[in-house]
Amino acid sequence: MELHQLRCFVAAAEQLHFGRAAQHLQMLPSALGRQIRLLEQDLGTRLFARTTRAVSLTEDGVTLLRDARAILARVEAVETNLRNRARAGAARKLRVGAIDSAAAGLLPALLRDFRAKHPDIAVQLLEEKTVRLLPKILTGALDLAFVRPPAQRDKRLEFRDLLQETAIVAFPQRHALAKRKSITPAEIAEEAMLVPDRRSRPHSHDLTIRLFEQAGLTPRVVQVADEKQTIINLVATRLGVAIVPRWTMRMAVSGVRFVPLRPKQIGPVGRLPLAAAWLRGSRDPARDAMLSVLETRLRSYARDA
């Protein structure tokens, strides 16, 4: 006796019409009839009384219908329970995206604190640019991302502003200004500048331009690159200097020294915003758990930004 045979029997017993029962099960009437015959042969009894005009249950058929319903209900309960357990297990995974500086500066401390409080939640990380992370939240590929907040925020996304990253200057190690304790935009006005591509990194690109404009200067851009790691490697080869977020210092590259930048005016011009983003209206206990840890420890994290 197989579960499929029992399901065929229950459908036929409830419909008392093999055609309608087969349609309900999305199978051919002949296939349904074959399963019923196999069940009758296995049990050694007739379950249906068939005439040219009607189908009815035998006494054994009535008894089996009651027991078969109970068996199938129990099987369905077991299947549902296992599926729920599997979904609960999947919910204990958190897919997090981050821009490069946040991956280097924020995530190590955040993940340490998060794991200490929620060791049962596995975190999967993806490092990418903001322009590529936000669509992944919309498609469901990511649960949470740490990004530069765009000028026009998608209303389908929820954003929480977190902190402002400080700008610093990356010099080749043997550059004449590399040993300075701080530097101003005016002091690097004649330097060859390496800047990010504005299409992929608008915040970082505009940061360099605004800092010089604030000082009444124009940067001497000699190279545009897509990746921050590429820019730092180009600095190491003495191709030029670059204004980067402070957390870039944690990207291990030999031959580069970082000097604090002293803008002409104190304010947001010399800083880069960082925000958390997720799908608006969605429910995710694992994501909310990470946001809770982040909120508790944010002041500590921000001191290093």
C-alpha atoms as a PDB file:
ATOM      1  CA  MET A   1       0.000   0.000   0.000  1.00  0.00           C
ATOM      2  CA  GLU A   2       1.509   3.297  -1.136  1.00  0.00           C
ATOM      3  CA  LEU A   3       0.644   6.883  -0.237  1.00  0.00           C
ATOM      4  CA  HIS A   4      -0.055   7.683  -3.892  1.00  0.00           C
ATOM      5  CA  GLN A   5      -2.552   4.830  -4.031  1.00  0.00           C
ATOM      6  CA  LEU A   6      -4.241   6.094  -0.857  1.00  0.00           C
ATOM      7  CA  ARG A   7      -4.528   9.589  -2.296  1.00  0.00           C
ATOM      8  CA  CYS A   8      -6.082   8.166  -5.463  1.00  0.00           C
ATOM      9  CA  PHE A   9      -8.499   6.111  -3.406  1.00  0.00           C
ATOM     10  CA  VAL A  10      -9.578   9.045  -1.196  1.00  0.00           C
ATOM     11  CA  ALA A  11     -10.156  11.279  -4.239  1.00  0.00           C
ATOM     12  CA  ALA A  12     -12.274   8.601  -5.934  1.00  0.00           C
ATOM     13  CA  ALA A  13     -14.147   7.802  -2.708  1.00  0.00           C
ATOM     14  CA  GLU A  14     -15.010  11.455  -2.120  1.00  0.00           C
ATOM     15  CA  GLN A  15     -16.035  12.127  -5.712  1.00  0.00           C
ATOM     16  CA  LEU A  16     -17.588   8.698  -6.398  1.00  0.00           C
ATOM     17  CA  HIS A  17     -16.704   9.489  -9.985  1.00  0.00           C
ATOM     18  CA  PHE A  18     -13.406   8.324 -11.466  1.00  0.00           C
ATOM     19  CA  GLY A  19     -13.364  11.019 -14.164  1.00  0.00           C
ATOM     20  CA  ARG A  20     -13.776  13.919 -11.735  1.00  0.00           C
ATOM     21  CA  ALA A  21     -11.322  12.338  -9.262  1.00  0.00           C
ATOM     22  CA  ALA A  22      -8.720  11.929 -12.012  1.00  0.00           C
ATOM     23  CA  GLN A  23      -9.222  15.548 -13.095  1.00  0.00           C
ATOM     24  CA  HIS A  24      -8.772  16.697  -9.489  1.00  0.00           C
ATOM     25  CA  LEU A  25      -5.494  14.761  -9.269  1.00  0.00           C
ATOM     26  CA  GLN A  26      -4.435  15.923 -12.744  1.00  0.00           C
ATOM     27  CA  MET A  27      -4.058  12.386 -14.084  1.00  0.00           C
ATOM     28  CA  LEU A  28      -5.784  10.183 -16.651  1.00  0.00           C
ATOM     29  CA  PRO A  29      -8.856   8.200 -15.532  1.00  0.00           C
ATOM     30  CA  SER A  30      -7.159   5.023 -16.739  1.00  0.00           C
ATOM     31  CA  ALA A  31      -4.127   5.738 -14.542  1.00  0.00           C
ATOM     32  CA  LEU A  32      -6.382   6.406 -11.556  1.00  0.00           C
ATOM     33  CA  GLY A  33      -8.259   3.151 -12.170  1.00  0.00           C
ATOM     34  CA  ARG A  34      -4.979   1.246 -12.328  1.00  0.00           C
ATOM     35  CA  GLN A  35      -3.853   2.641  -8.935  1.00  0.00           C
ATOM     36  CA  ILE A  36      -7.187   1.655  -7.362  1.00  0.00           C
ATOM     37  CA  ARG A  37      -6.905  -1.891  -8.779  1.00  0.00           C
ATOM     38  CA  LEU A  38      -3.356  -2.226  -7.441  1.00  0.00           C
ATOM     39  CA  LEU A  39      -4.541  -1.078  -4.006  1.00  0.00           C
ATOM     40  CA  GLU A  40      -7.430  -3.581  -4.059  1.00  0.00           C
ATOM     41  CA  GLN A  41      -5.052  -6.370  -5.084  1.00  0.00           C
ATOM     42  CA  ASP A  42      -2.623  -5.424  -2.320  1.00  0.00           C
ATOM     43  CA  LEU A  43      -5.370  -5.402   0.323  1.00  0.00           C
ATOM     44  CA  GLY A  44      -7.163  -8.425  -1.071  1.00  0.00           C
ATOM     45  CA  THR A  45     -10.580  -6.783  -1.078  1.00  0.00           C
ATOM     46  CA  ARG A  46     -12.897  -4.720  -3.268  1.00  0.00           C
ATOM     47  CA  LEU A  47     -13.183  -1.077  -2.262  1.00  0.00           C
ATOM     48  CA  PHE A  48     -15.715   0.082  -4.832  1.00  0.00           C
ATOM     49  CA  ALA A  49     -18.936  -1.401  -6.118  1.00  0.00           C
ATOM     50  CA  ARG A  50     -19.224  -0.400  -9.782  1.00  0.00           C
ATOM     51  CA  THR A  51     -22.299  -0.479 -11.983  1.00  0.00           C
ATOM     52  CA  THR A  52     -22.926   1.021 -15.387  1.00  0.00           C
ATOM     53  CA  ARG A  53     -24.625   4.009 -13.749  1.00  0.00           C
ATOM     54  CA  ALA A  54     -22.893   4.563 -10.412  1.00  0.00           C
ATOM     55  CA  VAL A  55     -19.864   3.991  -8.207  1.00  0.00           C
ATOM     56  CA  SER A  56     -20.239   3.330  -4.476  1.00  0.00           C
ATOM     57  CA  LEU A  57     -18.012   2.256  -1.606  1.00  0.00           C
ATOM     58  CA  THR A  58     -18.071  -1.263  -0.239  1.00  0.00           C
ATOM     59  CA  GLU A  59     -18.049  -1.817   3.501  1.00  0.00           C
ATOM     60  CA  ASP A  60     -14.265  -2.258   3.400  1.00  0.00           C
ATOM     61  CA  GLY A  61     -14.056   0.888   1.286  1.00  0.00           C
ATOM     62  CA  VAL A  62     -15.915   2.907   3.951  1.00  0.00           C
ATOM     63  CA  THR A  63     -13.550   1.597   6.626  1.00  0.00           C
ATOM     64  CA  LEU A  64     -10.451   2.359   4.548  1.00  0.00           C
ATOM     65  CA  LEU A  65     -11.681   5.880   3.731  1.00  0.00           C
ATOM     66  CA  ARG A  66     -11.792   6.763   7.423  1.00  0.00           C
ATOM     67  CA  ASP A  67      -8.327   5.301   8.073  1.00  0.00           C
ATOM     68  CA  ALA A  68      -6.826   6.666   4.860  1.00  0.00           C
ATOM     69  CA  ARG A  69      -7.911  10.208   5.709  1.00  0.00           C
ATOM     70  CA  ALA A  70      -6.254   9.888   9.126  1.00  0.00           C
ATOM     71  CA  ILE A  71      -3.056   8.474   7.588  1.00  0.00           C
ATOM     72  CA  LEU A  72      -2.819  11.200   4.931  1.00  0.00           C
ATOM     73  CA  ALA A  73      -3.560  13.927   7.485  1.00  0.00           C
ATOM     74  CA  ARG A  74      -0.722  12.617   9.666  1.00  0.00           C
ATOM     75  CA  VAL A  75       1.642  12.459   6.691  1.00  0.00           C
ATOM     76  CA  GLU A  76       0.737  16.028   5.701  1.00  0.00           C
ATOM     77  CA  ALA A  77       1.380  17.206   9.273  1.00  0.00           C
ATOM     78  CA  VAL A  78       4.822  15.585   9.254  1.00  0.00           C
ATOM     79  CA  GLU A  79       5.660  17.133   5.856  1.00  0.00           C
ATOM     80  CA  THR A  80       4.482  20.569   6.980  1.00  0.00           C
ATOM     81  CA  ASN A  81       6.510  20.364  10.167  1.00  0.00           C
ATOM     82  CA  LEU A  82       9.669  19.424   8.285  1.00  0.00           C
ATOM     83  CA  ARG A  83       9.153  22.186   5.712  1.00  0.00           C
ATOM     84  CA  ASN A  84       8.663  24.736   8.499  1.00  0.00           C
ATOM     85  CA  ARG A  85      11.839  23.533  10.184  1.00  0.00           C
ATOM     86  CA  ALA A  86      13.710  23.852   6.902  1.00  0.00           C
ATOM     87  CA  ARG A  87      12.371  27.384   6.380  1.00  0.00           C
ATOM     88  CA  ALA A  88      13.310  28.292   9.952  1.00  0.00           C
ATOM     89  CA  GLY A  89      16.806  27.014   9.291  1.00  0.00           C
ATOM     90  CA  ALA A  90      17.029  29.071   6.116  1.00  0.00           C
ATOM     91  CA  ALA A  91      15.890  32.133   8.051  1.00  0.00           C
ATOM     92  CA  ARG A  92      18.988  31.785  10.241  1.00  0.00           C
ATOM     93  CA  LYS A  93      21.133  32.820   7.285  1.00  0.00           C
ATOM     94  CA  LEU A  94      21.739  36.499   6.646  1.00  0.00           C
ATOM     95  CA  ARG A  95      22.992  37.725   3.260  1.00  0.00           C
ATOM     96  CA  VAL A  96      24.846  41.010   3.712  1.00  0.00           C
ATOM     97  CA  GLY A  97      26.376  43.278   1.086  1.00  0.00           C
ATOM     98  CA  ALA A  98      28.851  46.095   1.705  1.00  0.00           C
ATOM     99  CA  ILE A  99      30.889  48.633  -0.208  1.00  0.00           C
ATOM    100  CA  ASP A 100      34.646  48.099   0.028  1.00  0.00           C
ATOM    101  CA  SER A 101      35.450  50.597   2.787  1.00  0.00           C
ATOM    102  CA  ALA A 102      32.594  49.314   4.977  1.00  0.00           C
ATOM    103  CA  ALA A 103      33.723  45.741   4.339  1.00  0.00           C
ATOM    104  CA  ALA A 104      37.201  46.686   5.538  1.00  0.00           C
ATOM    105  CA  GLY A 105      36.250  49.023   8.381  1.00  0.00           C
ATOM    106  CA  LEU A 106      32.771  48.349   9.724  1.00  0.00           C
ATOM    107  CA  LEU A 107      32.080  44.668   9.110  1.00  0.00           C
ATOM    108  CA  PRO A 108      34.979  43.072  11.037  1.00  0.00           C
ATOM    109  CA  ALA A 109      33.871  44.662  14.311  1.00  0.00           C
ATOM    110  CA  LEU A 110      30.154  44.329  13.573  1.00  0.00           C
ATOM    111  CA  LEU A 111      30.426  40.644  12.672  1.00  0.00           C
ATOM    112  CA  ARG A 112      32.489  39.959  15.792  1.00  0.00           C
ATOM    113  CA  ASP A 113      29.843  41.538  18.016  1.00  0.00           C
ATOM    114  CA  PHE A 114      26.977  39.983  16.072  1.00  0.00           C
ATOM    115  CA  ARG A 115      28.444  36.472  16.258  1.00  0.00           C
ATOM    116  CA  ALA A 116      28.997  36.824  20.000  1.00  0.00           C
ATOM    117  CA  LYS A 117      25.296  37.556  20.473  1.00  0.00           C
ATOM    118  CA  HIS A 118      23.827  35.382  17.680  1.00  0.00           C
ATOM    119  CA  PRO A 119      26.183  32.444  17.043  1.00  0.00           C
ATOM    120  CA  ASP A 120      23.351  30.483  15.392  1.00  0.00           C
ATOM    121  CA  ILE A 121      22.960  32.931  12.474  1.00  0.00           C
ATOM    122  CA  ALA A 122      25.312  32.368   9.545  1.00  0.00           C
ATOM    123  CA  VAL A 123      26.292  35.513   7.617  1.00  0.00           C
ATOM    124  CA  GLN A 124      27.065  35.422   3.901  1.00  0.00           C
ATOM    125  CA  LEU A 125      29.007  38.469   2.653  1.00  0.00           C
ATOM    126  CA  LEU A 126      29.162  40.197  -0.734  1.00  0.00           C
ATOM    127  CA  GLU A 127      31.474  43.145  -1.399  1.00  0.00           C
ATOM    128  CA  GLU A 128      30.297  45.392  -4.231  1.00  0.00           C
ATOM    129  CA  LYS A 129      29.544  48.971  -5.221  1.00  0.00           C
ATOM    130  CA  THR A 130      26.338  50.685  -4.115  1.00  0.00           C
ATOM    131  CA  VAL A 131      24.959  50.712  -7.678  1.00  0.00           C
ATOM    132  CA  ARG A 132      25.166  46.913  -7.742  1.00  0.00           C
ATOM    133  CA  LEU A 133      24.131  46.204  -4.159  1.00  0.00           C
ATOM    134  CA  LEU A 134      20.780  48.032  -4.144  1.00  0.00           C
ATOM    135  CA  PRO A 135      19.281  46.047  -7.084  1.00  0.00           C
ATOM    136  CA  LYS A 136      20.240  42.824  -5.294  1.00  0.00           C
ATOM    137  CA  ILE A 137      18.085  43.849  -2.325  1.00  0.00           C
ATOM    138  CA  LEU A 138      15.138  44.438  -4.663  1.00  0.00           C
ATOM    139  CA  THR A 139      15.551  41.010  -6.277  1.00  0.00           C
ATOM    140  CA  GLY A 140      15.850  39.260  -2.919  1.00  0.00           C
ATOM    141  CA  ALA A 141      19.501  38.262  -3.399  1.00  0.00           C
ATOM    142  CA  LEU A 142      20.531  40.313  -0.333  1.00  0.00           C
ATOM    143  CA  ASP A 143      18.828  40.895   3.027  1.00  0.00           C
ATOM    144  CA  LEU A 144      20.872  43.919   4.109  1.00  0.00           C
ATOM    145  CA  ALA A 145      23.516  46.176   2.569  1.00  0.00           C
ATOM    146  CA  PHE A 146      25.868  48.897   3.772  1.00  0.00           C
ATOM    147  CA  VAL A 147      25.995  51.511   1.040  1.00  0.00           C
ATOM    148  CA  ARG A 148      26.444  55.139   0.107  1.00  0.00           C
ATOM    149  CA  PRO A 149      22.879  56.526   0.215  1.00  0.00           C
ATOM    150  CA  PRO A 150      21.900  57.622  -3.309  1.00  0.00           C
ATOM    151  CA  ALA A 151      20.671  61.150  -3.996  1.00  0.00           C
ATOM    152  CA  GLN A 152      17.347  59.743  -5.203  1.00  0.00           C
ATOM    153  CA  ARG A 153      16.302  56.990  -2.811  1.00  0.00           C
ATOM    154  CA  ASP A 154      14.145  54.168  -4.168  1.00  0.00           C
ATOM    155  CA  LYS A 155      10.884  54.159  -2.197  1.00  0.00           C
ATOM    156  CA  ARG A 156      10.902  50.363  -2.229  1.00  0.00           C
ATOM    157  CA  LEU A 157      13.970  50.451   0.007  1.00  0.00           C
ATOM    158  CA  GLU A 158      14.390  51.437   3.632  1.00  0.00           C
ATOM    159  CA  PHE A 159      17.539  53.417   4.505  1.00  0.00           C
ATOM    160  CA  ARG A 160      19.066  54.077   7.916  1.00  0.00           C
ATOM    161  CA  ASP A 161      21.851  56.674   7.967  1.00  0.00           C
ATOM    162  CA  LEU A 162      24.706  55.382  10.113  1.00  0.00           C
ATOM    163  CA  LEU A 163      27.868  57.496  10.099  1.00  0.00           C
ATOM    164  CA  GLN A 164      30.209  59.689   8.095  1.00  0.00           C
ATOM    165  CA  GLU A 165      33.573  58.358   6.944  1.00  0.00           C
ATOM    166  CA  THR A 166      36.505  60.762   7.143  1.00  0.00           C
ATOM    167  CA  ALA A 167      38.522  61.509   4.007  1.00  0.00           C
ATOM    168  CA  ILE A 168      42.295  60.990   3.962  1.00  0.00           C
ATOM    169  CA  VAL A 169      44.981  61.253   1.283  1.00  0.00           C
ATOM    170  CA  ALA A 170      46.879  58.229  -0.035  1.00  0.00           C
ATOM    171  CA  PHE A 171      50.482  59.031  -1.033  1.00  0.00           C
ATOM    172  CA  PRO A 172      53.254  56.880  -2.476  1.00  0.00           C
ATOM    173  CA  GLN A 173      55.384  55.886   0.497  1.00  0.00           C
ATOM    174  CA  ARG A 174      58.399  57.966  -0.529  1.00  0.00           C
ATOM    175  CA  HIS A 175      56.423  61.039  -1.585  1.00  0.00           C
ATOM    176  CA  ALA A 176      57.711  64.299  -0.125  1.00  0.00           C
ATOM    177  CA  LEU A 177      54.373  64.926   1.645  1.00  0.00           C
ATOM    178  CA  ALA A 178      53.830  61.376   2.888  1.00  0.00           C
ATOM    179  CA  LYS A 179      55.333  62.068   6.315  1.00  0.00           C
ATOM    180  CA  ARG A 180      53.125  65.065   7.043  1.00  0.00           C
ATOM    181  CA  LYS A 181      50.777  64.824  10.046  1.00  0.00           C
ATOM    182  CA  SER A 182      47.993  66.371   7.971  1.00  0.00           C
ATOM    183  CA  ILE A 183      47.470  67.913   4.563  1.00  0.00           C
ATOM    184  CA  THR A 184      45.167  70.487   2.948  1.00  0.00           C
ATOM    185  CA  PRO A 185      43.655  70.417  -0.566  1.00  0.00           C
ATOM    186  CA  ALA A 186      45.756  73.467  -1.462  1.00  0.00           C
ATOM    187  CA  GLU A 187      48.946  71.561  -0.642  1.00  0.00           C
ATOM    188  CA  ILE A 188      48.095  68.824  -3.145  1.00  0.00           C
ATOM    189  CA  ALA A 189      46.619  71.112  -5.820  1.00  0.00           C
ATOM    190  CA  GLU A 190      49.512  70.414  -8.200  1.00  0.00           C
ATOM    191  CA  GLU A 191      49.616  66.681  -7.558  1.00  0.00           C
ATOM    192  CA  ALA A 192      48.434  64.154 -10.145  1.00  0.00           C
ATOM    193  CA  MET A 193      45.075  62.952  -8.807  1.00  0.00           C
ATOM    194  CA  LEU A 194      43.533  59.505  -9.152  1.00  0.00           C
ATOM    195  CA  VAL A 195      39.744  59.530  -8.831  1.00  0.00           C
ATOM    196  CA  PRO A 196      36.953  56.931  -9.035  1.00  0.00           C
ATOM    197  CA  ASP A 197      34.615  56.749 -12.001  1.00  0.00           C
ATOM    198  CA  ARG A 198      31.578  58.866 -11.157  1.00  0.00           C
ATOM    199  CA  ARG A 199      29.145  56.430 -12.810  1.00  0.00           C
ATOM    200  CA  SER A 200      29.998  53.677 -10.356  1.00  0.00           C
ATOM    201  CA  ARG A 201      31.197  55.687  -7.330  1.00  0.00           C
ATOM    202  CA  PRO A 202      29.486  59.115  -7.396  1.00  0.00           C
ATOM    203  CA  HIS A 203      30.085  59.873  -3.696  1.00  0.00           C
ATOM    204  CA  SER A 204      33.831  59.189  -3.768  1.00  0.00           C
ATOM    205  CA  HIS A 205      34.276  60.998  -7.093  1.00  0.00           C
ATOM    206  CA  ASP A 206      32.341  64.064  -5.970  1.00  0.00           C
ATOM    207  CA  LEU A 207      34.212  64.140  -2.644  1.00  0.00           C
ATOM    208  CA  THR A 208      37.504  64.896  -4.394  1.00  0.00           C
ATOM    209  CA  ILE A 209      35.932  67.516  -6.663  1.00  0.00           C
ATOM    210  CA  ARG A 210      34.077  69.284  -3.806  1.00  0.00           C
ATOM    211  CA  LEU A 211      37.124  69.443  -1.545  1.00  0.00           C
ATOM    212  CA  PHE A 212      39.088  71.264  -4.226  1.00  0.00           C
ATOM    213  CA  GLU A 213      36.162  73.479  -5.213  1.00  0.00           C
ATOM    214  CA  GLN A 214      35.711  74.503  -1.586  1.00  0.00           C
ATOM    215  CA  ALA A 215      39.322  75.732  -1.633  1.00  0.00           C
ATOM    216  CA  GLY A 216      38.778  77.511  -4.957  1.00  0.00           C
ATOM    217  CA  LEU A 217      40.878  74.952  -6.825  1.00  0.00           C
ATOM    218  CA  THR A 218      40.526  72.382  -9.584  1.00  0.00           C
ATOM    219  CA  PRO A 219      42.081  68.926  -9.169  1.00  0.00           C
ATOM    220  CA  ARG A 220      44.600  67.760 -11.757  1.00  0.00           C
ATOM    221  CA  VAL A 221      42.984  64.432 -12.612  1.00  0.00           C
ATOM    222  CA  VAL A 222      45.335  62.089 -14.486  1.00  0.00           C
ATOM    223  CA  GLN A 223      43.549  58.774 -14.090  1.00  0.00           C
ATOM    224  CA  VAL A 224      40.011  57.515 -13.503  1.00  0.00           C
ATOM    225  CA  ALA A 225      39.631  53.979 -12.134  1.00  0.00           C
ATOM    226  CA  ASP A 226      36.614  51.876 -11.226  1.00  0.00           C
ATOM    227  CA  GLU A 227      37.865  50.046  -8.122  1.00  0.00           C
ATOM    228  CA  LYS A 228      39.260  51.603  -4.966  1.00  0.00           C
ATOM    229  CA  GLN A 229      41.766  48.754  -4.652  1.00  0.00           C
ATOM    230  CA  THR A 230      42.993  49.619  -8.139  1.00  0.00           C
ATOM    231  CA  ILE A 231      43.403  53.261  -7.188  1.00  0.00           C
ATOM    232  CA  ILE A 232      45.470  52.371  -4.123  1.00  0.00           C
ATOM    233  CA  ASN A 233      47.669  50.063  -6.203  1.00  0.00           C
ATOM    234  CA  LEU A 234      48.200  52.890  -8.706  1.00  0.00           C
ATOM    235  CA  VAL A 235      49.227  55.173  -5.835  1.00  0.00           C
ATOM    236  CA  ALA A 236      51.775  52.535  -4.797  1.00  0.00           C
ATOM    237  CA  THR A 237      53.277  52.662  -8.320  1.00  0.00           C
ATOM    238  CA  ARG A 238      53.690  56.476  -7.925  1.00  0.00           C
ATOM    239  CA  LEU A 239      51.185  57.305 -10.643  1.00  0.00           C
ATOM    240  CA  GLY A 240      49.559  59.902  -8.396  1.00  0.00           C
ATOM    241  CA  VAL A 241      47.757  60.525  -5.104  1.00  0.00           C
ATOM    242  CA  ALA A 242      44.132  59.906  -4.137  1.00  0.00           C
ATOM    243  CA  ILE A 243      41.543  61.106  -1.649  1.00  0.00           C
ATOM    244  CA  VAL A 244      39.897  58.060  -0.098  1.00  0.00           C
ATOM    245  CA  PRO A 245      37.769  57.086   2.942  1.00  0.00           C
ATOM    246  CA  ARG A 246      39.728  56.525   6.148  1.00  0.00           C
ATOM    247  CA  TRP A 247      38.765  52.855   6.315  1.00  0.00           C
ATOM    248  CA  THR A 248      40.735  52.343   3.075  1.00  0.00           C
ATOM    249  CA  MET A 249      43.801  52.244   5.330  1.00  0.00           C
ATOM    250  CA  ARG A 250      42.753  48.704   6.277  1.00  0.00           C
ATOM    251  CA  MET A 251      43.253  47.483   2.717  1.00  0.00           C
ATOM    252  CA  ALA A 252      46.741  46.038   2.960  1.00  0.00           C
ATOM    253  CA  VAL A 253      48.869  47.589   0.199  1.00  0.00           C
ATOM    254  CA  SER A 254      52.603  48.108   0.563  1.00  0.00           C
ATOM    255  CA  GLY A 255      54.195  51.282  -0.705  1.00  0.00           C
ATOM    256  CA  VAL A 256      51.341  53.587   0.356  1.00  0.00           C
ATOM    257  CA  ARG A 257      51.110  56.032   3.256  1.00  0.00           C
ATOM    258  CA  PHE A 258      47.899  57.712   4.416  1.00  0.00           C
ATOM    259  CA  VAL A 259      47.786  61.276   5.687  1.00  0.00           C
ATOM    260  CA  PRO A 260      44.761  62.921   7.396  1.00  0.00           C
ATOM    261  CA  LEU A 261      43.097  65.536   5.220  1.00  0.00           C
ATOM    262  CA  ARG A 262      42.426  68.989   6.668  1.00  0.00           C
ATOM    263  CA  PRO A 263      39.701  70.619   4.538  1.00  0.00           C
ATOM    264  CA  LYS A 264      39.373  74.395   4.324  1.00  0.00           C
ATOM    265  CA  GLN A 265      36.112  74.315   6.280  1.00  0.00           C
ATOM    266  CA  ILE A 266      34.870  71.883   8.900  1.00  0.00           C
ATOM    267  CA  GLY A 267      31.687  70.125   7.763  1.00  0.00           C
ATOM    268  CA  PRO A 268      30.245  67.310   5.642  1.00  0.00           C
ATOM    269  CA  VAL A 269      32.227  68.223   2.505  1.00  0.00           C
ATOM    270  CA  GLY A 270      35.201  66.138   3.592  1.00  0.00           C
ATOM    271  CA  ARG A 271      33.169  63.137   4.717  1.00  0.00           C
ATOM    272  CA  LEU A 272      31.367  60.210   3.076  1.00  0.00           C
ATOM    273  CA  PRO A 273      27.961  58.994   4.335  1.00  0.00           C
ATOM    274  CA  LEU A 274      27.311  55.341   5.081  1.00  0.00           C
ATOM    275  CA  ALA A 275      23.814  53.882   5.383  1.00  0.00           C
ATOM    276  CA  ALA A 276      22.159  50.513   5.917  1.00  0.00           C
ATOM    277  CA  ALA A 277      19.553  49.527   3.306  1.00  0.00           C
ATOM    278  CA  TRP A 278      16.951  46.766   3.151  1.00  0.00           C
ATOM    279  CA  LEU A 279      13.618  45.990   1.491  1.00  0.00           C
ATOM    280  CA  ARG A 280      10.860  48.217   2.820  1.00  0.00           C
ATOM    281  CA  GLY A 281       8.045  46.381   4.609  1.00  0.00           C
ATOM    282  CA  SER A 282       9.884  43.057   4.748  1.00  0.00           C
ATOM    283  CA  ARG A 283      10.120  40.944   7.905  1.00  0.00           C
ATOM    284  CA  ASP A 284      13.465  39.343   8.735  1.00  0.00           C
ATOM    285  CA  PRO A 285      14.385  38.469  12.359  1.00  0.00           C
ATOM    286  CA  ALA A 286      18.049  37.817  11.447  1.00  0.00           C
ATOM    287  CA  ARG A 287      18.390  41.197   9.712  1.00  0.00           C
ATOM    288  CA  ASP A 288      16.692  42.991  12.591  1.00  0.00           C
ATOM    289  CA  ALA A 289      19.045  41.246  15.013  1.00  0.00           C
ATOM    290  CA  MET A 290      22.057  42.638  13.154  1.00  0.00           C
ATOM    291  CA  LEU A 291      20.533  46.117  13.010  1.00  0.00           C
ATOM    292  CA  SER A 292      19.964  45.939  16.767  1.00  0.00           C
ATOM    293  CA  VAL A 293      23.630  45.091  17.407  1.00  0.00           C
ATOM    294  CA  LEU A 294      24.640  47.854  15.003  1.00  0.00           C
ATOM    295  CA  GLU A 295      22.514  50.438  16.785  1.00  0.00           C
ATOM    296  CA  THR A 296      23.909  49.440  20.173  1.00  0.00           C
ATOM    297  CA  ARG A 297      27.548  49.664  19.061  1.00  0.00           C
ATOM    298  CA  LEU A 298      27.303  52.368  16.387  1.00  0.00           C
ATOM    299  CA  ARG A 299      28.981  55.106  18.412  1.00  0.00           C
ATOM    300  CA  SER A 300      31.997  52.859  18.941  1.00  0.00           C
ATOM    301  CA  TYR A 301      32.193  51.951  15.257  1.00  0.00           C
ATOM    302  CA  ALA A 302      31.841  55.586  14.167  1.00  0.00           C
ATOM    303  CA  ARG A 303      34.899  56.656  16.183  1.00  0.00           C
ATOM    304  CA  ASP A 304      37.133  54.733  13.788  1.00  0.00           C
ATOM    305  CA  ALA A 305      35.463  55.939  10.580  1.00  0.00           C
END
